[in-house]
PDB file of N, CA and C in Angstrom:
ATOM      1  N   MET A   1     207.993 185.548  77.102  1.00  0.00           N
ATOM      2  CA  MET A   1     207.853 183.988  76.689  1.00  0.00           C
ATOM      3  C   MET A   1     208.027 183.635  78.188  1.00  0.00           C
ATOM      4  N   PHE A   2     206.867 182.363  77.574  1.00  0.00           N
ATOM      5  CA  PHE A   2     206.270 181.429  79.013  1.00  0.00           C
ATOM      6  C   PHE A   2     207.414 179.835  78.824  1.00  0.00           C
ATOM      7  N   ILE A   3     208.034 179.931  79.946  1.00  0.00           N
ATOM      8  CA  ILE A   3     208.567 178.629  80.207  1.00  0.00           C
ATOM      9  C   ILE A   3     208.100 177.913  80.862  1.00  0.00           C
ATOM     10  N   ILE A   4     207.992 176.096  80.998  1.00  0.00           N
ATOM     11  CA  ILE A   4     207.167 175.659  82.328  1.00  0.00           C
ATOM     12  C   ILE A   4     208.595 174.278  83.102  1.00  0.00           C
ATOM     13  N   LEU A   5     208.907 174.918  83.927  1.00  0.00           N
ATOM     14  CA  LEU A   5     210.214 174.131  84.485  1.00  0.00           C
ATOM     15  C   LEU A   5     209.602 173.258  85.226  1.00  0.00           C
ATOM     16  N   SER A   6     210.309 171.848  84.846  1.00  0.00           N
ATOM     17  CA  SER A   6     209.796 170.829  85.833  1.00  0.00           C
ATOM     18  C   SER A   6     211.632 170.883  86.709  1.00  0.00           C
ATOM     19  N   ILE A   7     211.191 170.549  88.228  1.00  0.00           N
ATOM     20  CA  ILE A   7     211.786 170.126  89.027  1.00  0.00           C
ATOM     21  C   ILE A   7     211.392 168.865  89.597  1.00  0.00           C
ATOM     22  N   SER A   8     212.910 168.825  90.626  1.00  0.00           N
ATOM     23  CA  SER A   8     212.494 167.561  91.043  1.00  0.00           C
ATOM     24  C   SER A   8     213.548 167.697  91.613  1.00  0.00           C
ATOM     25  N   SER A   9     213.553 166.221  92.759  1.00  0.00           N
ATOM     26  CA  SER A   9     214.673 166.399  93.995  1.00  0.00           C
ATOM     27  C   SER A   9     214.151 164.960  94.951  1.00  0.00           C
ATOM     28  N   LYS A  10     215.109 164.177  95.382  1.00  0.00           N
ATOM     29  CA  LYS A  10     215.079 163.470  96.178  1.00  0.00           C
ATOM     30  C   LYS A  10     214.806 163.907  97.790  1.00  0.00           C
ATOM     31  N   ASN A  11     214.786 164.925  97.589  1.00  0.00           N
ATOM     32  CA  ASN A  11     215.021 165.032  99.700  1.00  0.00           C
ATOM     33  C   ASN A  11     213.927 167.135  99.071  1.00  0.00           C
ATOM     34  N   LEU A  12     212.504 166.686  99.959  1.00  0.00           N
ATOM     35  CA  LEU A  12     211.771 167.666  99.776  1.00  0.00           C
ATOM     36  C   LEU A  12     212.403 169.410 100.768  1.00  0.00           C
ATOM     37  N   SER A  13     212.796 168.795 101.916  1.00  0.00           N
ATOM     38  CA  SER A  13     213.458 169.999 102.221  1.00  0.00           C
ATOM     39  C   SER A  13     214.485 171.171 101.104  1.00  0.00           C
ATOM     40  N   SER A  14     214.764 171.097 100.615  1.00  0.00           N
ATOM     41  CA  SER A  14     216.071 171.306  99.607  1.00  0.00           C
ATOM     42  C   SER A  14     215.317 171.525  98.036  1.00  0.00           C
ATOM     43  N   LEU A  15     213.827 171.043  97.735  1.00  0.00           N
ATOM     44  CA  LEU A  15     212.869 171.223  96.592  1.00  0.00           C
ATOM     45  C   LEU A  15     212.191 172.935  97.141  1.00  0.00           C
ATOM     46  N   THR A  16     211.820 172.350  98.467  1.00  0.00           N
ATOM     47  CA  THR A  16     210.970 173.410  99.258  1.00  0.00           C
ATOM     48  C   THR A  16     212.401 175.486  99.528  1.00  0.00           C
ATOM     49  N   THR A  17     213.569 174.882  99.953  1.00  0.00           N
ATOM     50  CA  THR A  17     214.327 176.275  99.296  1.00  0.00           C
ATOM     51  C   THR A  17     214.613 177.006  98.640  1.00  0.00           C
ATOM     52  N   PHE A  18     214.737 175.766  97.939  1.00  0.00           N
ATOM     53  CA  PHE A  18     214.394 176.405  95.580  1.00  0.00           C
ATOM     54  C   PHE A  18     213.186 176.772  95.330  1.00  0.00           C
ATOM     55  N   LEU A  19     211.691 176.622  95.656  1.00  0.00           N
ATOM     56  CA  LEU A  19     210.854 177.167  94.848  1.00  0.00           C
ATOM     57  C   LEU A  19     211.169 178.546  96.283  1.00  0.00           C
ATOM     58  N   LYS A  20     211.618 178.952  96.934  1.00  0.00           N
ATOM     59  CA  LYS A  20     211.601 179.778  98.129  1.00  0.00           C
ATOM     60  C   LYS A  20     212.047 180.554  97.769  1.00  0.00           C
ATOM     61  N   PHE A  21     213.165 180.072  97.280  1.00  0.00           N
ATOM     62  CA  PHE A  21     214.672 180.993  96.456  1.00  0.00           C
ATOM     63  C   PHE A  21     214.072 182.136  94.882  1.00  0.00           C
ATOM     64  N   LEU A  22     213.705 180.997  94.608  1.00  0.00           N
ATOM     65  CA  LEU A  22     212.494 181.120  93.094  1.00  0.00           C
ATOM     66  C   LEU A  22     211.464 182.660  93.384  1.00  0.00           C
ATOM     67  N   TYR A  23     210.707 182.060  94.466  1.00  0.00           N
ATOM     68  CA  TYR A  23     210.152 183.315  94.395  1.00  0.00           C
ATOM     69  C   TYR A  23     210.621 184.496  95.310  1.00  0.00           C
ATOM     70  N   LYS A  24     211.713 184.921  95.559  1.00  0.00           N
ATOM     71  CA  LYS A  24     212.037 186.173  96.158  1.00  0.00           C
ATOM     72  C   LYS A  24     212.618 186.308  94.900  1.00  0.00           C
ATOM     73  N   LEU A  25     213.352 186.047  93.918  1.00  0.00           N
ATOM     74  CA  LEU A  25     213.893 186.467  92.617  1.00  0.00           C
ATOM     75  C   LEU A  25     212.524 187.089  91.711  1.00  0.00           C
ATOM     76  N   LYS A  26     211.105 186.944  92.255  1.00  0.00           N
ATOM     77  CA  LYS A  26     209.790 187.462  91.617  1.00  0.00           C
ATOM     78  C   LYS A  26     209.941 189.201  91.710  1.00  0.00           C
ATOM     79  N   THR A  27     210.409 188.986  93.296  1.00  0.00           N
ATOM     80  CA  THR A  27     210.958 190.840  94.072  1.00  0.00           C
ATOM     81  C   THR A  27     211.692 191.650  92.875  1.00  0.00           C
ATOM     82  N   ASN A  28     212.375 190.793  92.683  1.00  0.00           N
ATOM     83  CA  ASN A  28     213.295 191.198  91.697  1.00  0.00           C
ATOM     84  C   ASN A  28     213.597 191.681  90.269  1.00  0.00           C
ATOM     85  N   LYS A  29     213.530 193.578  90.511  1.00  0.00           N
ATOM     86  CA  LYS A  29     213.400 194.278  89.113  1.00  0.00           C
ATOM     87  C   LYS A  29     214.450 193.588  87.573  1.00  0.00           C
ATOM     88  N   THR A  30     215.754 193.460  88.422  1.00  0.00           N
ATOM     89  CA  THR A  30     215.611 192.887  86.743  1.00  0.00           C
ATOM     90  C   THR A  30     215.172 191.468  86.047  1.00  0.00           C
ATOM     91  N   PHE A  31     214.388 190.502  87.016  1.00  0.00           N
ATOM     92  CA  PHE A  31     214.284 189.581  86.252  1.00  0.00           C
ATOM     93  C   PHE A  31     212.705 189.795  85.737  1.00  0.00           C
ATOM     94  N   ARG A  32     212.161 190.347  86.381  1.00  0.00           N
ATOM     95  CA  ARG A  32     210.561 190.666  86.443  1.00  0.00           C
ATOM     96  C   ARG A  32     209.816 189.538  85.945  1.00  0.00           C
ATOM     97  N   LEU A  33     210.325 188.772  86.965  1.00  0.00           N
ATOM     98  CA  LEU A  33     209.323 187.282  86.693  1.00  0.00           C
ATOM     99  C   LEU A  33     207.221 187.176  87.174  1.00  0.00           C
ATOM    100  N   LYS A  34     206.984 186.499  86.365  1.00  0.00           N
ATOM    101  CA  LYS A  34     205.778 186.280  86.576  1.00  0.00           C
ATOM    102  C   LYS A  34     205.090 184.470  86.949  1.00  0.00           C
ATOM    103  N   PHE A  35     204.562 183.792  87.970  1.00  0.00           N
ATOM    104  CA  PHE A  35     204.250 182.585  88.165  1.00  0.00           C
ATOM    105  C   PHE A  35     202.802 182.421  87.538  1.00  0.00           C
ATOM    106  N   TYR A  36     202.963 181.030  87.098  1.00  0.00           N
ATOM    107  CA  TYR A  36     201.572 180.799  86.866  1.00  0.00           C
ATOM    108  C   TYR A  36     201.459 179.349  87.285  1.00  0.00           C
ATOM    109  N   THR A  37     200.433 179.243  87.867  1.00  0.00           N
ATOM    110  CA  THR A  37     199.859 177.753  88.994  1.00  0.00           C
ATOM    111  C   THR A  37     200.202 176.596  87.395  1.00  0.00           C
ATOM    112  N   THR A  38     200.018 176.079  87.558  1.00  0.00           N
ATOM    113  CA  THR A  38     200.779 173.882  86.897  1.00  0.00           C
ATOM    114  C   THR A  38     199.542 173.528  87.839  1.00  0.00           C
ATOM    115  N   GLN A  39     199.714 172.051  87.313  1.00  0.00           N
ATOM    116  CA  GLN A  39     199.156 171.050  87.973  1.00  0.00           C
ATOM    117  C   GLN A  39     199.900 169.711  87.699  1.00  0.00           C
ATOM    118  N   SER A  40     200.819 169.708  88.545  1.00  0.00           N
ATOM    119  CA  SER A  40     202.020 168.377  88.062  1.00  0.00           C
ATOM    120  C   SER A  40     200.898 166.912  87.832  1.00  0.00           C
ATOM    121  N   GLN A  41     201.556 165.757  87.199  1.00  0.00           N
ATOM    122  CA  GLN A  41     200.740 165.044  86.730  1.00  0.00           C
ATOM    123  C   GLN A  41     201.051 163.614  88.588  1.00  0.00           C
ATOM    124  N   LYS A  42     202.527 163.273  88.348  1.00  0.00           N
ATOM    125  CA  LYS A  42     202.885 163.097  89.149  1.00  0.00           C
ATOM    126  C   LYS A  42     203.892 163.969  90.963  1.00  0.00           C
ATOM    127  N   LYS A  43     203.458 164.025  91.822  1.00  0.00           N
ATOM    128  CA  LYS A  43     204.161 164.405  92.768  1.00  0.00           C
ATOM    129  C   LYS A  43     205.373 164.026  93.656  1.00  0.00           C
ATOM    130  N   LYS A  44     205.057 162.447  93.182  1.00  0.00           N
ATOM    131  CA  LYS A  44     205.425 161.535  94.619  1.00  0.00           C
ATOM    132  C   LYS A  44     205.834 160.153  93.647  1.00  0.00           C
ATOM    133  N   SER A  45     206.786 160.007  92.807  1.00  0.00           N
ATOM    134  CA  SER A  45     207.279 158.214  92.529  1.00  0.00           C
ATOM    135  C   SER A  45     208.070 157.605  93.698  1.00  0.00           C
ATOM    136  N   PHE A  46     208.042 156.213  93.978  1.00  0.00           N
ATOM    137  CA  PHE A  46     208.549 155.728  95.288  1.00  0.00           C
ATOM    138  C   PHE A  46     209.439 154.717  94.199  1.00  0.00           C
ATOM    139  N   SER A  47     210.537 154.783  94.686  1.00  0.00           N
ATOM    140  CA  SER A  47     211.480 153.126  94.047  1.00  0.00           C
ATOM    141  C   SER A  47     211.854 152.164  95.058  1.00  0.00           C
ATOM    142  N   PHE A  48     211.816 151.719  95.126  1.00  0.00           N
ATOM    143  CA  PHE A  48     212.526 150.409  95.939  1.00  0.00           C
ATOM    144  C   PHE A  48     213.932 149.726  95.294  1.00  0.00           C
ATOM    145  N   PHE A  49     214.482 149.336  96.396  1.00  0.00           N
ATOM    146  CA  PHE A  49     215.531 148.313  95.548  1.00  0.00           C
ATOM    147  C   PHE A  49     216.076 147.575  96.505  1.00  0.00           C
ATOM    148  N   SER A  50     216.231 146.038  96.280  1.00  0.00           N
ATOM    149  CA  SER A  50     217.099 145.268  97.208  1.00  0.00           C
ATOM    150  C   SER A  50     218.310 144.874  97.095  1.00  0.00           C
ATOM    151  N   VAL A  51     219.433 144.728  98.319  1.00  0.00           N
ATOM    152  CA  VAL A  51     220.593 144.208  98.209  1.00  0.00           C
ATOM    153  C   VAL A  51     220.978 143.117  98.784  1.00  0.00           C
ATOM    154  N   LEU A  52     221.168 142.483  98.457  1.00  0.00           N
ATOM    155  CA  LEU A  52     222.243 141.150  99.205  1.00  0.00           C
ATOM    156  C   LEU A  52     223.229 141.670  99.759  1.00  0.00           C
ATOM    157  N   GLN A  53     222.818 141.303 100.987  1.00  0.00           N
ATOM    158  CA  GLN A  53     224.535 141.206 102.150  1.00  0.00           C
ATOM    159  C   GLN A  53     225.482 140.248 102.372  1.00  0.00           C
ATOM    160  N   SER A  54     225.286 139.491 100.892  1.00  0.00           N
ATOM    161  CA  SER A  54     226.430 137.917 101.292  1.00  0.00           C
ATOM    162  C   SER A  54     225.696 138.006  99.223  1.00  0.00           C
ATOM    163  N   PRO A  55     227.001 138.445  98.702  1.00  0.00           N
ATOM    164  CA  PRO A  55     226.686 138.007  97.315  1.00  0.00           C
ATOM    165  C   PRO A  55     225.650 136.618  97.640  1.00  0.00           C
ATOM    166  N   HIS A  56     227.353 135.472  97.768  1.00  0.00           N
ATOM    167  CA  HIS A  56     227.384 134.380  97.323  1.00  0.00           C
ATOM    168  C   HIS A  56     226.435 132.986  97.553  1.00  0.00           C
ATOM    169  N   VAL A  57     226.119 133.855  98.543  1.00  0.00           N
ATOM    170  CA  VAL A  57     225.021 132.857  99.098  1.00  0.00           C
ATOM    171  C   VAL A  57     223.997 133.266  99.832  1.00  0.00           C
ATOM    172  N   ASN A  58     222.460 132.428 100.197  1.00  0.00           N
ATOM    173  CA  ASN A  58     221.367 133.362 101.302  1.00  0.00           C
ATOM    174  C   ASN A  58     220.702 134.283 100.444  1.00  0.00           C
ATOM    175  N   LYS A  59     219.939 133.971  99.876  1.00  0.00           N
ATOM    176  CA  LYS A  59     218.900 135.062  99.317  1.00  0.00           C
ATOM    177  C   LYS A  59     218.392 135.862 100.000  1.00  0.00           C
ATOM    178  N   LYS A  60     218.181 135.025 101.073  1.00  0.00           N
ATOM    179  CA  LYS A  60     216.829 135.872 102.067  1.00  0.00           C
ATOM    180  C   LYS A  60     217.681 137.190 103.192  1.00  0.00           C
ATOM    181  N   SER A  61     218.946 136.674 103.099  1.00  0.00           N
ATOM    182  CA  SER A  61     219.352 138.241 103.558  1.00  0.00           C
ATOM    183  C   SER A  61     219.464 139.149 102.632  1.00  0.00           C
ATOM    184  N   GLN A  62     218.065 140.092 103.263  1.00  0.00           N
ATOM    185  CA  GLN A  62     218.501 141.366 101.735  1.00  0.00           C
ATOM    186  C   GLN A  62     217.949 142.477 102.664  1.00  0.00           C
ATOM    187  N   GLU A  63     219.105 143.545 102.227  1.00  0.00           N
ATOM    188  CA  GLU A  63     218.413 145.021 102.867  1.00  0.00           C
ATOM    189  C   GLU A  63     217.729 145.367 101.455  1.00  0.00           C
ATOM    190  N   GLN A  64     216.492 146.099 102.087  1.00  0.00           N
ATOM    191  CA  GLN A  64     215.515 146.607 100.635  1.00  0.00           C
ATOM    192  C   GLN A  64     215.242 148.185 101.307  1.00  0.00           C
ATOM    193  N   PHE A  65     215.780 148.776 100.422  1.00  0.00           N
ATOM    194  CA  PHE A  65     216.039 150.339 100.672  1.00  0.00           C
ATOM    195  C   PHE A  65     214.624 150.977  99.662  1.00  0.00           C
ATOM    196  N   GLU A  66     213.942 151.678  99.853  1.00  0.00           N
ATOM    197  CA  GLU A  66     213.112 153.232  98.754  1.00  0.00           C
ATOM    198  C   GLU A  66     214.082 154.327  98.458  1.00  0.00           C
ATOM    199  N   TYR A  67     213.463 154.956  98.081  1.00  0.00           N
ATOM    200  CA  TYR A  67     213.668 156.036  97.822  1.00  0.00           C
ATOM    201  C   TYR A  67     212.179 157.469  97.895  1.00  0.00           C
ATOM    202  N   THR A  68     212.069 158.210  97.319  1.00  0.00           N
ATOM    203  CA  THR A  68     211.274 159.205  96.766  1.00  0.00           C
ATOM    204  C   THR A  68     211.277 159.764  95.753  1.00  0.00           C
ATOM    205  N   LEU A  69     210.342 161.136  94.572  1.00  0.00           N
ATOM    206  CA  LEU A  69     211.435 161.610  93.984  1.00  0.00           C
ATOM    207  C   LEU A  69     210.242 162.503  94.148  1.00  0.00           C
ATOM    208  N   HIS A  70     210.659 163.492  94.663  1.00  0.00           N
ATOM    209  CA  HIS A  70     208.972 164.780  94.840  1.00  0.00           C
ATOM    210  C   HIS A  70     208.932 165.782  93.168  1.00  0.00           C
ATOM    211  N   CYS A  71     208.032 166.144  92.795  1.00  0.00           N
ATOM    212  CA  CYS A  71     208.394 166.510  91.874  1.00  0.00           C
ATOM    213  C   CYS A  71     207.492 167.885  91.534  1.00  0.00           C
ATOM    214  N   LYS A  72     207.137 168.829  91.197  1.00  0.00           N
ATOM    215  CA  LYS A  72     206.899 170.248  90.962  1.00  0.00           C
ATOM    216  C   LYS A  72     206.724 170.391  89.370  1.00  0.00           C
ATOM    217  N   LYS A  73     205.863 171.516  89.146  1.00  0.00           N
ATOM    218  CA  LYS A  73     205.665 171.890  88.369  1.00  0.00           C
ATOM    219  C   LYS A  73     205.542 173.651  88.515  1.00  0.00           C
ATOM    220  N   LEU A  74     206.419 174.760  87.772  1.00  0.00           N
ATOM    221  CA  LEU A  74     206.436 176.035  86.947  1.00  0.00           C
ATOM    222  C   LEU A  74     205.263 176.473  86.133  1.00  0.00           C
ATOM    223  N   LYS A  75     205.253 177.630  85.721  1.00  0.00           N
ATOM    224  CA  LYS A  75     205.477 178.185  84.884  1.00  0.00           C
ATOM    225  C   LYS A  75     205.498 179.622  84.839  1.00  0.00           C
ATOM    226  N   ILE A  76     206.329 180.053  83.687  1.00  0.00           N
ATOM    227  CA  ILE A  76     207.009 180.994  84.358  1.00  0.00           C
ATOM    228  C   ILE A  76     206.940 182.397  83.213  1.00  0.00           C
ATOM    229  N   TYR A  77     206.311 183.386  83.084  1.00  0.00           N
ATOM    230  CA  TYR A  77     206.935 184.498  82.160  1.00  0.00           C
ATOM    231  C   TYR A  77     208.185 184.812  82.197  1.00  0.00           C
ATOM    232  N   ILE A  78     208.909 185.046  81.358  1.00  0.00           N
ATOM    233  CA  ILE A  78     210.726 185.314  81.408  1.00  0.00           C
ATOM    234  C   ILE A  78     210.242 186.700  80.088  1.00  0.00           C
ATOM    235  N   PRO A  79     211.074 188.131  80.656  1.00  0.00           N
ATOM    236  CA  PRO A  79     210.727 188.775  79.129  1.00  0.00           C
ATOM    237  C   PRO A  79     211.990 188.986  78.587  1.00  0.00           C
ATOM    238  N   HIS A  80     213.614 188.249  79.853  1.00  0.00           N
ATOM    239  CA  HIS A  80     214.801 188.176  79.172  1.00  0.00           C
ATOM    240  C   HIS A  80     214.577 186.982  79.794  1.00  0.00           C
ATOM    241  N   LEU A  81     214.737 186.220  78.799  1.00  0.00           N
ATOM    242  CA  LEU A  81     215.740 184.194  79.027  1.00  0.00           C
ATOM    243  C   LEU A  81     216.924 184.183  78.991  1.00  0.00           C
ATOM    244  N   THR A  82     217.646 184.669  78.722  1.00  0.00           N
ATOM    245  CA  THR A  82     219.082 184.388  78.575  1.00  0.00           C
ATOM    246  C   THR A  82     219.499 184.537  79.933  1.00  0.00           C
ATOM    247  N   LYS A  83     219.766 185.737  80.685  1.00  0.00           N
ATOM    248  CA  LYS A  83     219.702 186.446  81.712  1.00  0.00           C
ATOM    249  C   LYS A  83     219.148 185.490  82.746  1.00  0.00           C
ATOM    250  N   PHE A  84     217.911 185.027  82.904  1.00  0.00           N
ATOM    251  CA  PHE A  84     217.601 184.208  82.988  1.00  0.00           C
ATOM    252  C   PHE A  84     218.000 182.704  83.386  1.00  0.00           C
ATOM    253  N   LEU A  85     218.651 181.975  82.766  1.00  0.00           N
ATOM    254  CA  LEU A  85     219.331 181.127  82.263  1.00  0.00           C
ATOM    255  C   LEU A  85     220.250 181.254  82.913  1.00  0.00           C
ATOM    256  N   THR A  86     221.064 182.048  82.295  1.00  0.00           N
ATOM    257  CA  THR A  86     222.423 181.743  83.369  1.00  0.00           C
ATOM    258  C   THR A  86     222.460 182.298  84.814  1.00  0.00           C
ATOM    259  N   ALA A  87     221.662 183.073  85.264  1.00  0.00           N
ATOM    260  CA  ALA A  87     221.059 182.855  86.518  1.00  0.00           C
ATOM    261  C   ALA A  87     221.071 181.691  87.629  1.00  0.00           C
ATOM    262  N   LEU A  88     220.291 181.315  86.567  1.00  0.00           N
ATOM    263  CA  LEU A  88     219.055 179.764  87.352  1.00  0.00           C
ATOM    264  C   LEU A  88     220.322 178.659  86.928  1.00  0.00           C
ATOM    265  N   LYS A  89     221.309 179.002  86.085  1.00  0.00           N
ATOM    266  CA  LYS A  89     222.146 177.453  86.223  1.00  0.00           C
ATOM    267  C   LYS A  89     223.169 178.605  87.294  1.00  0.00           C
ATOM    268  N   ILE A  90     224.033 179.597  87.220  1.00  0.00           N
ATOM    269  CA  ILE A  90     225.213 179.258  88.340  1.00  0.00           C
ATOM    270  C   ILE A  90     224.451 179.020  89.804  1.00  0.00           C
ATOM    271  N   ILE A  91     223.070 179.824  89.988  1.00  0.00           N
ATOM    272  CA  ILE A  91     222.176 179.479  91.246  1.00  0.00           C
ATOM    273  C   ILE A  91     222.516 178.377  91.235  1.00  0.00           C
ATOM    274  N   LYS A  92     221.801 177.105  90.536  1.00  0.00           N
ATOM    275  CA  LYS A  92     221.650 175.639  90.445  1.00  0.00           C
ATOM    276  C   LYS A  92     223.021 174.356  90.769  1.00  0.00           C
ATOM    277  N   THR A  93     224.056 174.920  90.374  1.00  0.00           N
ATOM    278  CA  THR A  93     225.629 174.510  90.289  1.00  0.00           C
ATOM    279  C   THR A  93     226.282 175.081  91.375  1.00  0.00           C
ATOM    280  N   ALA A  94     226.268 176.071  92.240  1.00  0.00           N
ATOM    281  CA  ALA A  94     226.298 176.810  93.158  1.00  0.00           C
ATOM    282  C   ALA A  94     225.977 177.005  94.414  1.00  0.00           C
ATOM    283  N   LEU A  95     224.471 176.368  94.887  1.00  0.00           N
ATOM    284  CA  LEU A  95     223.836 176.216  95.915  1.00  0.00           C
ATOM    285  C   LEU A  95     223.149 175.026  96.018  1.00  0.00           C
ATOM    286  N   PHE A  96     222.512 174.501  94.728  1.00  0.00           N
ATOM    287  CA  PHE A  96     221.569 173.250  95.320  1.00  0.00           C
ATOM    288  C   PHE A  96     221.837 172.784  94.089  1.00  0.00           C
ATOM    289  N   LEU A  97     222.838 171.638  94.725  1.00  0.00           N
ATOM    290  CA  LEU A  97     222.859 170.623  93.779  1.00  0.00           C
ATOM    291  C   LEU A  97     222.396 169.348  94.063  1.00  0.00           C
ATOM    292  N   ASP A  98     221.268 168.778  94.273  1.00  0.00           N
ATOM    293  CA  ASP A  98     220.542 167.732  94.714  1.00  0.00           C
ATOM    294  C   ASP A  98     219.240 168.453  93.993  1.00  0.00           C
ATOM    295  N   ILE A  99     218.971 169.634  93.485  1.00  0.00           N
ATOM    296  CA  ILE A  99     217.364 169.113  92.366  1.00  0.00           C
ATOM    297  C   ILE A  99     218.315 169.594  90.810  1.00  0.00           C
ATOM    298  N   ARG A 100     217.127 168.503  90.370  1.00  0.00           N
ATOM    299  CA  ARG A 100     217.076 168.920  88.537  1.00  0.00           C
ATOM    300  C   ARG A 100     215.784 169.783  88.067  1.00  0.00           C
ATOM    301  N   VAL A 101     216.253 170.190  86.903  1.00  0.00           N
ATOM    302  CA  VAL A 101     215.865 171.116  86.399  1.00  0.00           C
ATOM    303  C   VAL A 101     216.020 170.998  85.291  1.00  0.00           C
ATOM    304  N   GLU A 102     214.801 170.438  84.233  1.00  0.00           N
ATOM    305  CA  GLU A 102     214.273 170.259  83.139  1.00  0.00           C
ATOM    306  C   GLU A 102     213.414 171.540  82.619  1.00  0.00           C
ATOM    307  N   ILE A 103     214.078 172.171  81.540  1.00  0.00           N
ATOM    308  CA  ILE A 103     213.297 173.356  81.090  1.00  0.00           C
ATOM    309  C   ILE A 103     212.609 172.549  79.210  1.00  0.00           C
ATOM    310  N   LYS A 104     210.682 173.054  79.135  1.00  0.00           N
ATOM    311  CA  LYS A 104     211.032 173.470  78.279  1.00  0.00           C
ATOM    312  C   LYS A 104     209.873 174.309  77.699  1.00  0.00           C
ATOM    313  N   CYS A 105     210.199 174.919  76.622  1.00  0.00           N
ATOM    314  CA  CYS A 105     209.745 176.200  75.862  1.00  0.00           C
ATOM    315  C   CYS A 105     208.402 176.452  76.008  1.00  0.00           C
TER     316      CYS A 105
END
């Protein structure tokens, strides 16, 4: 069964370590994963927001913050879907807390 994983995170290094971990699962005999390349539409998205330093006066004294959201899409062939989904949930909750994963069948 083919599924598409949309993986996103604010931290680029945690995203790359999660992808390396998934590629290591490819060599595991129980999952037998096959990865295919897909092109993602948005790779980075920037968000800006500003916070007033003083809540009552001095609108000019603002602090501005930004963060980037890094995204990656993977198309994976999985023969045993339930094993993979349970392992993915355990891995995500135990090791990678700042990764958001969306699954489309």
